[in-house]
Amino acid sequence: MERMKRVLLLLLAFTVLLMLPEASATKFTVGNNQFWNPNINYTEWAKGKHFYLGDWLYFVYDRNQASVLEVNKTDYETCNSDHPLTNWTRGAGRDVVPLNVTKTYYIISGRGFCFSGMKIAVHVEKLPPPPKAVPVKSAAPTLFSQDRILLMPVVFAIGAAWDAFIHFW
């Protein structure tokens, strides 16, 4: 009996998990396999990508050289790293910037690397709503449609009669 309770509880938990909405965050490795390095056009890398709330930017770089600094638009355009809004550099050369606000993130590398192209601007937007389901209209009535509800007992009766006939012979 105890085992049956556990199985039912597990089945209930699994059913609840299936009903939860799907969350899909994307981890973008900045620069793909070229990572966060000088002389790469990160504007081209970001072109055509959609960045949504909950996504992450993942920076891989030489921890002794580069950094990951969030700055304002003016400092982004002038490569000024003196007053970052957020210093995402954690020291391991593997840093994540969570995109948790709908805005444009301006990220540069300090120590002059911004002048070598180590800067990226990404615009974060809300997830688009899921597409609405188109209602399916049946052209012909089926056995299960509202006006055919009385037909079902007849179908079962014919099936039972056929089954009895088969067993009789």
N, C-alpha and C. Protein backbone atom coordinates (compact mmCIF):
# COMPACT_ATOMS: atom_id res chain seq x y z
N MET A 1 0.82 -1.20 0.00
CA MET A 1 0.00 0.00 0.00
C MET A 1 0.87 1.27 0.00
N GLU A 2 1.94 1.21 0.80
CA GLU A 2 2.86 2.36 0.87
C GLU A 2 3.50 2.63 -0.49
N ARG A 3 3.85 1.56 -1.19
CA ARG A 3 4.46 1.70 -2.51
C ARG A 3 3.49 2.34 -3.50
N MET A 4 2.21 1.97 -3.40
CA MET A 4 1.19 2.52 -4.28
C MET A 4 1.05 4.03 -4.04
N LYS A 5 1.13 4.45 -2.78
CA LYS A 5 1.05 5.88 -2.47
C LYS A 5 2.22 6.63 -3.09
N ARG A 6 3.42 6.03 -3.01
CA ARG A 6 4.60 6.68 -3.60
C ARG A 6 4.46 6.82 -5.11
N VAL A 7 3.97 5.76 -5.74
CA VAL A 7 3.80 5.79 -7.20
C VAL A 7 2.79 6.85 -7.58
N LEU A 8 1.67 6.92 -6.86
CA LEU A 8 0.67 7.94 -7.16
C LEU A 8 1.20 9.35 -6.93
N LEU A 9 1.98 9.53 -5.86
CA LEU A 9 2.58 10.83 -5.59
C LEU A 9 3.57 11.22 -6.69
N LEU A 10 4.37 10.27 -7.13
CA LEU A 10 5.32 10.52 -8.22
C LEU A 10 4.59 10.86 -9.51
N LEU A 11 3.52 10.14 -9.79
CA LEU A 11 2.72 10.41 -10.99
C LEU A 11 2.10 11.80 -10.92
N LEU A 12 1.60 12.17 -9.75
CA LEU A 12 1.02 13.50 -9.57
C LEU A 12 2.08 14.59 -9.76
N ALA A 13 3.27 14.39 -9.19
CA ALA A 13 4.35 15.37 -9.33
C ALA A 13 4.76 15.51 -10.80
N PHE A 14 4.86 14.40 -11.50
CA PHE A 14 5.22 14.43 -12.92
C PHE A 14 4.17 15.18 -13.73
N THR A 15 2.89 14.94 -13.40
CA THR A 15 1.80 15.63 -14.11
C THR A 15 1.87 17.13 -13.87
N VAL A 16 2.15 17.54 -12.65
CA VAL A 16 2.28 18.97 -12.34
C VAL A 16 3.44 19.57 -13.11
N LEU A 17 4.56 18.85 -13.20
CA LEU A 17 5.71 19.36 -13.95
C LEU A 17 5.38 19.55 -15.43
N LEU A 18 4.58 18.67 -15.98
CA LEU A 18 4.20 18.81 -17.38
C LEU A 18 3.32 20.03 -17.63
N MET A 19 2.59 20.45 -16.60
CA MET A 19 1.71 21.59 -16.77
C MET A 19 2.41 22.93 -16.59
N LEU A 20 3.63 22.92 -16.06
CA LEU A 20 4.35 24.17 -15.87
C LEU A 20 4.71 24.78 -17.22
N PRO A 21 4.69 26.11 -17.31
CA PRO A 21 5.06 26.72 -18.58
C PRO A 21 6.53 26.49 -18.90
N GLU A 22 6.81 26.38 -20.17
CA GLU A 22 8.18 26.13 -20.61
C GLU A 22 8.98 27.42 -20.55
N ALA A 23 10.13 27.35 -19.94
CA ALA A 23 11.02 28.51 -19.88
C ALA A 23 12.23 28.19 -20.76
N SER A 24 12.56 29.11 -21.61
CA SER A 24 13.67 28.84 -22.50
C SER A 24 14.62 30.03 -22.53
N ALA A 25 15.66 29.95 -21.74
CA ALA A 25 16.70 30.98 -21.76
C ALA A 25 17.84 30.46 -22.63
N THR A 26 18.48 31.36 -23.32
CA THR A 26 19.59 30.99 -24.19
C THR A 26 20.89 31.56 -23.64
N LYS A 27 21.92 30.73 -23.62
CA LYS A 27 23.25 31.20 -23.23
C LYS A 27 24.01 31.47 -24.53
N PHE A 28 24.35 32.72 -24.77
CA PHE A 28 25.11 33.11 -25.96
C PHE A 28 26.58 33.21 -25.59
N THR A 29 27.42 32.39 -26.20
CA THR A 29 28.86 32.54 -26.03
C THR A 29 29.30 33.66 -26.96
N VAL A 30 29.70 34.78 -26.39
CA VAL A 30 30.03 35.96 -27.17
C VAL A 30 31.23 35.66 -28.08
N GLY A 31 31.02 35.88 -29.38
CA GLY A 31 32.06 35.61 -30.37
C GLY A 31 32.13 34.16 -30.82
N ASN A 32 31.18 33.34 -30.35
CA ASN A 32 31.18 31.90 -30.65
C ASN A 32 32.53 31.30 -30.30
N ASN A 33 33.16 30.61 -31.24
CA ASN A 33 34.44 29.95 -30.94
C ASN A 33 35.64 30.89 -30.98
N GLN A 34 35.43 32.18 -31.30
CA GLN A 34 36.52 33.16 -31.24
C GLN A 34 36.54 33.88 -29.89
N PHE A 35 35.46 33.72 -29.12
CA PHE A 35 35.33 34.23 -27.77
C PHE A 35 35.46 35.75 -27.70
N TRP A 36 35.88 36.29 -26.56
CA TRP A 36 35.98 37.72 -26.29
C TRP A 36 37.43 38.11 -26.48
N ASN A 37 37.77 38.49 -27.70
CA ASN A 37 39.14 38.79 -28.09
C ASN A 37 39.19 40.03 -28.96
N PRO A 38 40.37 40.66 -29.08
CA PRO A 38 40.50 41.84 -29.95
C PRO A 38 40.33 41.47 -31.43
N ASN A 39 40.05 42.50 -32.22
CA ASN A 39 39.98 42.40 -33.68
C ASN A 39 38.87 41.47 -34.17
N ILE A 40 37.75 41.43 -33.45
CA ILE A 40 36.57 40.68 -33.87
C ILE A 40 35.42 41.67 -33.92
N ASN A 41 34.60 41.57 -34.96
CA ASN A 41 33.47 42.48 -35.11
C ASN A 41 32.26 41.90 -34.37
N TYR A 42 32.07 42.34 -33.15
CA TYR A 42 30.97 41.82 -32.33
C TYR A 42 29.62 42.37 -32.76
N THR A 43 29.61 43.48 -33.50
CA THR A 43 28.35 43.97 -34.07
C THR A 43 27.85 42.97 -35.10
N GLU A 44 28.75 42.46 -35.92
CA GLU A 44 28.38 41.42 -36.90
C GLU A 44 27.95 40.15 -36.19
N TRP A 45 28.64 39.79 -35.11
CA TRP A 45 28.29 38.58 -34.38
C TRP A 45 26.86 38.67 -33.83
N ALA A 46 26.49 39.85 -33.31
CA ALA A 46 25.16 40.02 -32.71
C ALA A 46 24.05 40.20 -33.74
N LYS A 47 24.43 40.56 -34.97
CA LYS A 47 23.43 40.83 -36.00
C LYS A 47 22.59 39.58 -36.27
N GLY A 48 21.28 39.76 -36.29
CA GLY A 48 20.38 38.66 -36.58
C GLY A 48 20.00 37.83 -35.35
N LYS A 49 20.64 38.08 -34.23
CA LYS A 49 20.30 37.36 -33.00
C LYS A 49 19.24 38.15 -32.24
N HIS A 50 18.36 37.43 -31.57
CA HIS A 50 17.36 38.06 -30.71
C HIS A 50 17.71 37.74 -29.27
N PHE A 51 17.83 38.76 -28.47
CA PHE A 51 18.17 38.61 -27.06
C PHE A 51 16.91 38.90 -26.25
N TYR A 52 16.52 37.93 -25.42
CA TYR A 52 15.29 38.05 -24.64
C TYR A 52 15.59 38.05 -23.15
N LEU A 53 14.62 38.54 -22.39
CA LEU A 53 14.72 38.51 -20.93
C LEU A 53 15.04 37.09 -20.47
N GLY A 54 16.00 36.97 -19.59
CA GLY A 54 16.37 35.66 -19.07
C GLY A 54 17.55 35.02 -19.80
N ASP A 55 17.92 35.54 -20.96
CA ASP A 55 19.08 35.02 -21.67
C ASP A 55 20.35 35.44 -20.94
N TRP A 56 21.49 34.88 -21.34
CA TRP A 56 22.79 35.21 -20.75
C TRP A 56 23.80 35.45 -21.84
N LEU A 57 24.73 36.36 -21.57
CA LEU A 57 25.92 36.51 -22.41
C LEU A 57 27.06 35.85 -21.66
N TYR A 58 27.74 34.94 -22.32
CA TYR A 58 28.84 34.20 -21.70
C TYR A 58 30.13 34.64 -22.37
N PHE A 59 31.03 35.24 -21.57
CA PHE A 59 32.29 35.77 -22.07
C PHE A 59 33.43 34.84 -21.66
N VAL A 60 34.23 34.43 -22.65
CA VAL A 60 35.42 33.61 -22.41
C VAL A 60 36.60 34.41 -22.93
N TYR A 61 37.62 34.63 -22.07
CA TYR A 61 38.73 35.51 -22.44
C TYR A 61 39.95 35.24 -21.55
N ASP A 62 41.05 35.86 -21.92
CA ASP A 62 42.28 35.79 -21.11
C ASP A 62 42.08 36.67 -19.89
N ARG A 63 42.01 36.06 -18.73
CA ARG A 63 41.71 36.78 -17.50
C ARG A 63 42.79 37.78 -17.10
N ASN A 64 43.99 37.62 -17.61
CA ASN A 64 45.08 38.54 -17.29
C ASN A 64 45.08 39.78 -18.16
N GLN A 65 44.24 39.81 -19.17
CA GLN A 65 44.25 40.92 -20.11
C GLN A 65 42.92 41.67 -20.18
N ALA A 66 41.86 40.96 -20.50
CA ALA A 66 40.58 41.61 -20.81
C ALA A 66 39.69 41.72 -19.57
N SER A 67 38.54 42.37 -19.77
CA SER A 67 37.54 42.51 -18.72
C SER A 67 36.17 42.60 -19.38
N VAL A 68 35.13 42.55 -18.57
CA VAL A 68 33.75 42.66 -19.05
C VAL A 68 33.08 43.76 -18.23
N LEU A 69 32.89 44.92 -18.87
CA LEU A 69 32.37 46.10 -18.17
C LEU A 69 31.11 46.59 -18.86
N GLU A 70 30.05 46.76 -18.09
CA GLU A 70 28.83 47.36 -18.62
C GLU A 70 28.94 48.86 -18.42
N VAL A 71 28.73 49.62 -19.49
CA VAL A 71 28.86 51.07 -19.46
C VAL A 71 27.62 51.72 -20.08
N ASN A 72 27.55 53.05 -20.01
CA ASN A 72 26.45 53.74 -20.68
C ASN A 72 26.79 53.92 -22.17
N LYS A 73 25.84 54.44 -22.92
CA LYS A 73 26.02 54.55 -24.38
C LYS A 73 27.19 55.46 -24.74
N THR A 74 27.34 56.57 -24.04
CA THR A 74 28.43 57.50 -24.33
C THR A 74 29.78 56.85 -24.10
N ASP A 75 29.94 56.18 -22.97
CA ASP A 75 31.21 55.50 -22.68
C ASP A 75 31.46 54.35 -23.64
N TYR A 76 30.40 53.71 -24.11
CA TYR A 76 30.53 52.65 -25.12
C TYR A 76 31.09 53.24 -26.42
N GLU A 77 30.51 54.35 -26.85
CA GLU A 77 30.93 54.96 -28.11
C GLU A 77 32.36 55.50 -28.04
N THR A 78 32.80 55.96 -26.86
CA THR A 78 34.14 56.55 -26.71
C THR A 78 35.15 55.58 -26.10
N CYS A 79 34.70 54.35 -25.80
CA CYS A 79 35.57 53.34 -25.17
C CYS A 79 36.14 53.81 -23.83
N ASN A 80 35.31 54.48 -23.05
CA ASN A 80 35.73 54.96 -21.74
C ASN A 80 35.33 53.93 -20.68
N SER A 81 36.33 53.33 -20.05
CA SER A 81 36.06 52.30 -19.04
C SER A 81 36.27 52.80 -17.61
N ASP A 82 36.38 54.11 -17.44
CA ASP A 82 36.69 54.67 -16.12
C ASP A 82 35.54 54.54 -15.11
N HIS A 83 34.30 54.57 -15.58
CA HIS A 83 33.14 54.56 -14.67
C HIS A 83 32.11 53.53 -15.13
N PRO A 84 32.42 52.24 -15.01
CA PRO A 84 31.45 51.24 -15.46
C PRO A 84 30.20 51.22 -14.58
N LEU A 85 29.07 50.91 -15.20
CA LEU A 85 27.83 50.73 -14.43
C LEU A 85 27.93 49.44 -13.62
N THR A 86 28.47 48.39 -14.25
CA THR A 86 28.68 47.11 -13.58
C THR A 86 29.95 46.48 -14.11
N ASN A 87 30.78 46.00 -13.21
CA ASN A 87 31.98 45.26 -13.60
C ASN A 87 31.63 43.78 -13.46
N TRP A 88 31.43 43.11 -14.60
CA TRP A 88 31.05 41.70 -14.60
C TRP A 88 32.27 40.79 -14.52
N THR A 89 33.46 41.36 -14.50
CA THR A 89 34.69 40.57 -14.44
C THR A 89 34.78 39.91 -13.07
N ARG A 90 34.95 38.59 -13.06
CA ARG A 90 35.04 37.85 -11.81
C ARG A 90 36.42 37.23 -11.59
N GLY A 91 37.30 37.35 -12.59
CA GLY A 91 38.68 36.91 -12.40
C GLY A 91 39.05 35.58 -13.01
N ALA A 92 38.08 34.80 -13.47
CA ALA A 92 38.40 33.48 -14.01
C ALA A 92 38.47 33.49 -15.54
N GLY A 93 38.05 34.59 -16.17
CA GLY A 93 38.03 34.62 -17.63
C GLY A 93 36.84 33.87 -18.21
N ARG A 94 35.86 33.61 -17.38
CA ARG A 94 34.61 32.93 -17.78
C ARG A 94 33.47 33.63 -17.05
N ASP A 95 32.96 34.70 -17.65
CA ASP A 95 31.98 35.52 -16.96
C ASP A 95 30.64 35.53 -17.68
N VAL A 96 29.58 35.64 -16.88
CA VAL A 96 28.22 35.63 -17.39
C VAL A 96 27.55 36.96 -17.08
N VAL A 97 26.87 37.51 -18.07
CA VAL A 97 26.06 38.72 -17.88
C VAL A 97 24.61 38.29 -18.06
N PRO A 98 23.83 38.28 -16.97
CA PRO A 98 22.42 37.92 -17.10
C PRO A 98 21.64 39.08 -17.73
N LEU A 99 20.87 38.79 -18.74
CA LEU A 99 20.07 39.81 -19.41
C LEU A 99 18.68 39.81 -18.77
N ASN A 100 18.55 40.51 -17.64
CA ASN A 100 17.32 40.44 -16.88
C ASN A 100 16.51 41.74 -16.87
N VAL A 101 16.87 42.68 -17.75
CA VAL A 101 16.13 43.93 -17.88
C VAL A 101 15.98 44.22 -19.38
N THR A 102 14.79 44.68 -19.77
CA THR A 102 14.61 45.05 -21.18
C THR A 102 15.25 46.42 -21.39
N LYS A 103 16.39 46.40 -22.05
CA LYS A 103 17.16 47.62 -22.33
C LYS A 103 18.27 47.24 -23.31
N THR A 104 19.06 48.21 -23.69
CA THR A 104 20.26 47.93 -24.47
C THR A 104 21.43 47.86 -23.52
N TYR A 105 22.13 46.74 -23.54
CA TYR A 105 23.32 46.55 -22.72
C TYR A 105 24.53 46.98 -23.54
N TYR A 106 25.35 47.86 -23.00
CA TYR A 106 26.58 48.30 -23.65
C TYR A 106 27.74 47.71 -22.85
N ILE A 107 28.50 46.82 -23.48
CA ILE A 107 29.57 46.12 -22.78
C ILE A 107 30.88 46.32 -23.53
N ILE A 108 31.91 46.66 -22.77
CA ILE A 108 33.24 46.87 -23.36
C ILE A 108 34.28 46.13 -22.52
N SER A 109 35.48 46.03 -23.07
CA SER A 109 36.62 45.56 -22.30
C SER A 109 37.49 46.77 -21.99
N GLY A 110 38.04 46.79 -20.80
CA GLY A 110 38.90 47.90 -20.39
C GLY A 110 40.33 47.71 -20.88
N ARG A 111 41.24 48.49 -20.30
CA ARG A 111 42.68 48.44 -20.61
C ARG A 111 42.98 48.68 -22.10
N GLY A 112 42.13 49.45 -22.76
CA GLY A 112 42.37 49.80 -24.15
C GLY A 112 41.89 48.79 -25.16
N PHE A 113 41.43 47.62 -24.73
CA PHE A 113 40.99 46.58 -25.68
C PHE A 113 39.72 46.97 -26.41
N CYS A 114 38.95 47.88 -25.84
CA CYS A 114 37.74 48.36 -26.52
C CYS A 114 38.10 48.98 -27.87
N PHE A 115 39.25 49.68 -27.93
CA PHE A 115 39.68 50.31 -29.18
C PHE A 115 40.05 49.28 -30.24
N SER A 116 40.27 48.03 -29.80
CA SER A 116 40.57 46.94 -30.74
C SER A 116 39.31 46.13 -31.08
N GLY A 117 38.16 46.70 -30.77
CA GLY A 117 36.90 46.06 -31.15
C GLY A 117 36.20 45.27 -30.07
N MET A 118 36.77 45.23 -28.87
CA MET A 118 36.14 44.43 -27.80
C MET A 118 35.03 45.24 -27.14
N LYS A 119 33.92 45.35 -27.87
CA LYS A 119 32.74 46.02 -27.36
C LYS A 119 31.53 45.46 -28.09
N ILE A 120 30.43 45.40 -27.35
CA ILE A 120 29.21 44.85 -27.92
C ILE A 120 28.01 45.55 -27.30
N ALA A 121 27.01 45.81 -28.13
CA ALA A 121 25.74 46.37 -27.67
C ALA A 121 24.65 45.38 -28.04
N VAL A 122 23.87 44.96 -27.07
CA VAL A 122 22.76 44.05 -27.35
C VAL A 122 21.47 44.62 -26.79
N HIS A 123 20.44 44.57 -27.59
CA HIS A 123 19.13 45.05 -27.15
C HIS A 123 18.31 43.86 -26.66
N VAL A 124 17.84 43.96 -25.43
CA VAL A 124 17.07 42.87 -24.81
C VAL A 124 15.60 43.23 -24.84
N GLU A 125 14.79 42.28 -25.28
CA GLU A 125 13.35 42.50 -25.37
C GLU A 125 12.59 41.38 -24.67
N LYS A 126 11.31 41.61 -24.45
CA LYS A 126 10.47 40.60 -23.83
C LYS A 126 10.25 39.47 -24.82
N LEU A 127 10.01 38.28 -24.29
CA LEU A 127 9.68 37.15 -25.15
C LEU A 127 8.39 37.44 -25.89
N PRO A 128 8.32 37.11 -27.17
CA PRO A 128 7.06 37.33 -27.88
C PRO A 128 6.02 36.33 -27.35
N PRO A 129 4.75 36.71 -27.40
CA PRO A 129 3.73 35.78 -26.93
C PRO A 129 3.67 34.55 -27.85
N PRO A 130 3.29 33.41 -27.30
CA PRO A 130 3.20 32.23 -28.15
C PRO A 130 2.11 32.41 -29.19
N PRO A 131 2.24 31.78 -30.34
CA PRO A 131 1.21 31.93 -31.37
C PRO A 131 -0.11 31.35 -30.88
N LYS A 132 -1.19 32.00 -31.26
CA LYS A 132 -2.51 31.52 -30.84
C LYS A 132 -2.90 30.32 -31.69
N ALA A 133 -3.51 29.36 -31.03
CA ALA A 133 -3.96 28.17 -31.73
C ALA A 133 -5.18 28.51 -32.57
N VAL A 134 -5.20 27.99 -33.77
CA VAL A 134 -6.34 28.20 -34.66
C VAL A 134 -7.37 27.12 -34.33
N PRO A 135 -8.62 27.51 -34.05
CA PRO A 135 -9.61 26.49 -33.74
C PRO A 135 -9.86 25.60 -34.95
N VAL A 136 -9.97 24.32 -34.68
CA VAL A 136 -10.21 23.36 -35.75
C VAL A 136 -11.71 23.18 -35.90
N LYS A 137 -12.19 23.40 -37.11
CA LYS A 137 -13.60 23.21 -37.39
C LYS A 137 -13.74 21.96 -38.24
N SER A 138 -14.54 21.07 -37.75
CA SER A 138 -14.75 19.81 -38.47
C SER A 138 -15.84 20.01 -39.51
N ALA A 139 -15.57 19.61 -40.73
CA ALA A 139 -16.54 19.75 -41.80
C ALA A 139 -17.61 18.67 -41.69
N ALA A 140 -17.23 17.47 -41.27
CA ALA A 140 -18.19 16.37 -41.17
C ALA A 140 -18.33 15.98 -39.71
N PRO A 141 -19.55 15.60 -39.29
CA PRO A 141 -19.72 15.15 -37.91
C PRO A 141 -19.01 13.82 -37.68
N THR A 142 -18.55 13.63 -36.46
CA THR A 142 -17.86 12.39 -36.11
C THR A 142 -18.71 11.60 -35.14
N LEU A 143 -18.25 10.41 -34.80
CA LEU A 143 -18.97 9.60 -33.84
C LEU A 143 -19.03 10.25 -32.47
N PHE A 144 -18.07 11.13 -32.19
CA PHE A 144 -17.99 11.74 -30.87
C PHE A 144 -18.57 13.15 -30.83
N SER A 145 -19.12 13.64 -31.94
CA SER A 145 -19.68 14.99 -31.93
C SER A 145 -20.99 15.01 -31.16
N GLN A 146 -21.42 16.18 -30.76
CA GLN A 146 -22.57 16.37 -29.88
C GLN A 146 -23.83 15.73 -30.46
N ASP A 147 -24.08 15.89 -31.74
CA ASP A 147 -25.32 15.39 -32.32
C ASP A 147 -25.28 13.88 -32.60
N ARG A 148 -24.16 13.24 -32.39
CA ARG A 148 -24.05 11.80 -32.62
C ARG A 148 -23.90 11.02 -31.32
N ILE A 149 -24.24 11.61 -30.20
CA ILE A 149 -24.04 10.97 -28.91
C ILE A 149 -24.88 9.70 -28.77
N LEU A 150 -26.04 9.63 -29.39
CA LEU A 150 -26.88 8.44 -29.32
C LEU A 150 -26.38 7.33 -30.22
N LEU A 151 -25.54 7.63 -31.17
CA LEU A 151 -25.01 6.62 -32.07
C LEU A 151 -24.01 5.71 -31.38
N MET A 152 -23.37 6.20 -30.36
CA MET A 152 -22.34 5.41 -29.68
C MET A 152 -22.90 4.12 -29.06
N PRO A 153 -24.03 4.13 -28.35
CA PRO A 153 -24.54 2.86 -27.83
C PRO A 153 -24.85 1.85 -28.93
N VAL A 154 -25.32 2.34 -30.08
CA VAL A 154 -25.61 1.44 -31.19
C VAL A 154 -24.32 0.78 -31.68
N VAL A 155 -23.25 1.56 -31.79
CA VAL A 155 -21.96 1.01 -32.23
C VAL A 155 -21.48 -0.05 -31.25
N PHE A 156 -21.60 0.22 -29.94
CA PHE A 156 -21.17 -0.77 -28.94
C PHE A 156 -22.06 -2.02 -28.98
N ALA A 157 -23.34 -1.85 -29.21
CA ALA A 157 -24.25 -3.00 -29.28
C ALA A 157 -23.89 -3.89 -30.47
N ILE A 158 -23.60 -3.29 -31.61
CA ILE A 158 -23.20 -4.06 -32.79
C ILE A 158 -21.90 -4.80 -32.51
N GLY A 159 -20.96 -4.11 -31.84
CA GLY A 159 -19.69 -4.76 -31.49
C GLY A 159 -19.89 -5.93 -30.56
N ALA A 160 -20.77 -5.78 -29.55
CA ALA A 160 -21.04 -6.87 -28.62
C ALA A 160 -21.71 -8.04 -29.33
N ALA A 161 -22.65 -7.74 -30.22
CA ALA A 161 -23.32 -8.80 -30.97
C ALA A 161 -22.32 -9.54 -31.85
N TRP A 162 -21.43 -8.84 -32.50
CA TRP A 162 -20.41 -9.46 -33.34
C TRP A 162 -19.49 -10.35 -32.50
N ASP A 163 -19.08 -9.85 -31.33
CA ASP A 163 -18.23 -10.63 -30.44
C ASP A 163 -18.92 -11.92 -29.99
N ALA A 164 -20.23 -11.82 -29.65
CA ALA A 164 -20.98 -13.02 -29.24
C ALA A 164 -21.10 -13.98 -30.41
N PHE A 165 -21.30 -13.46 -31.59
CA PHE A 165 -21.42 -14.30 -32.78
C PHE A 165 -20.12 -15.04 -33.04
N ILE A 166 -18.98 -14.39 -32.92
CA ILE A 166 -17.67 -14.99 -33.14
C ILE A 166 -17.43 -16.10 -32.12
N HIS A 167 -17.76 -15.85 -30.83
CA HIS A 167 -17.51 -16.85 -29.78
C HIS A 167 -18.47 -18.03 -29.93
N PHE A 168 -19.67 -17.79 -30.46
CA PHE A 168 -20.63 -18.86 -30.63
C PHE A 168 -20.15 -19.87 -31.67
N TRP A 169 -19.55 -19.41 -32.73
CA TRP A 169 -19.11 -20.30 -33.82
C TRP A 169 -17.75 -20.77 -33.48
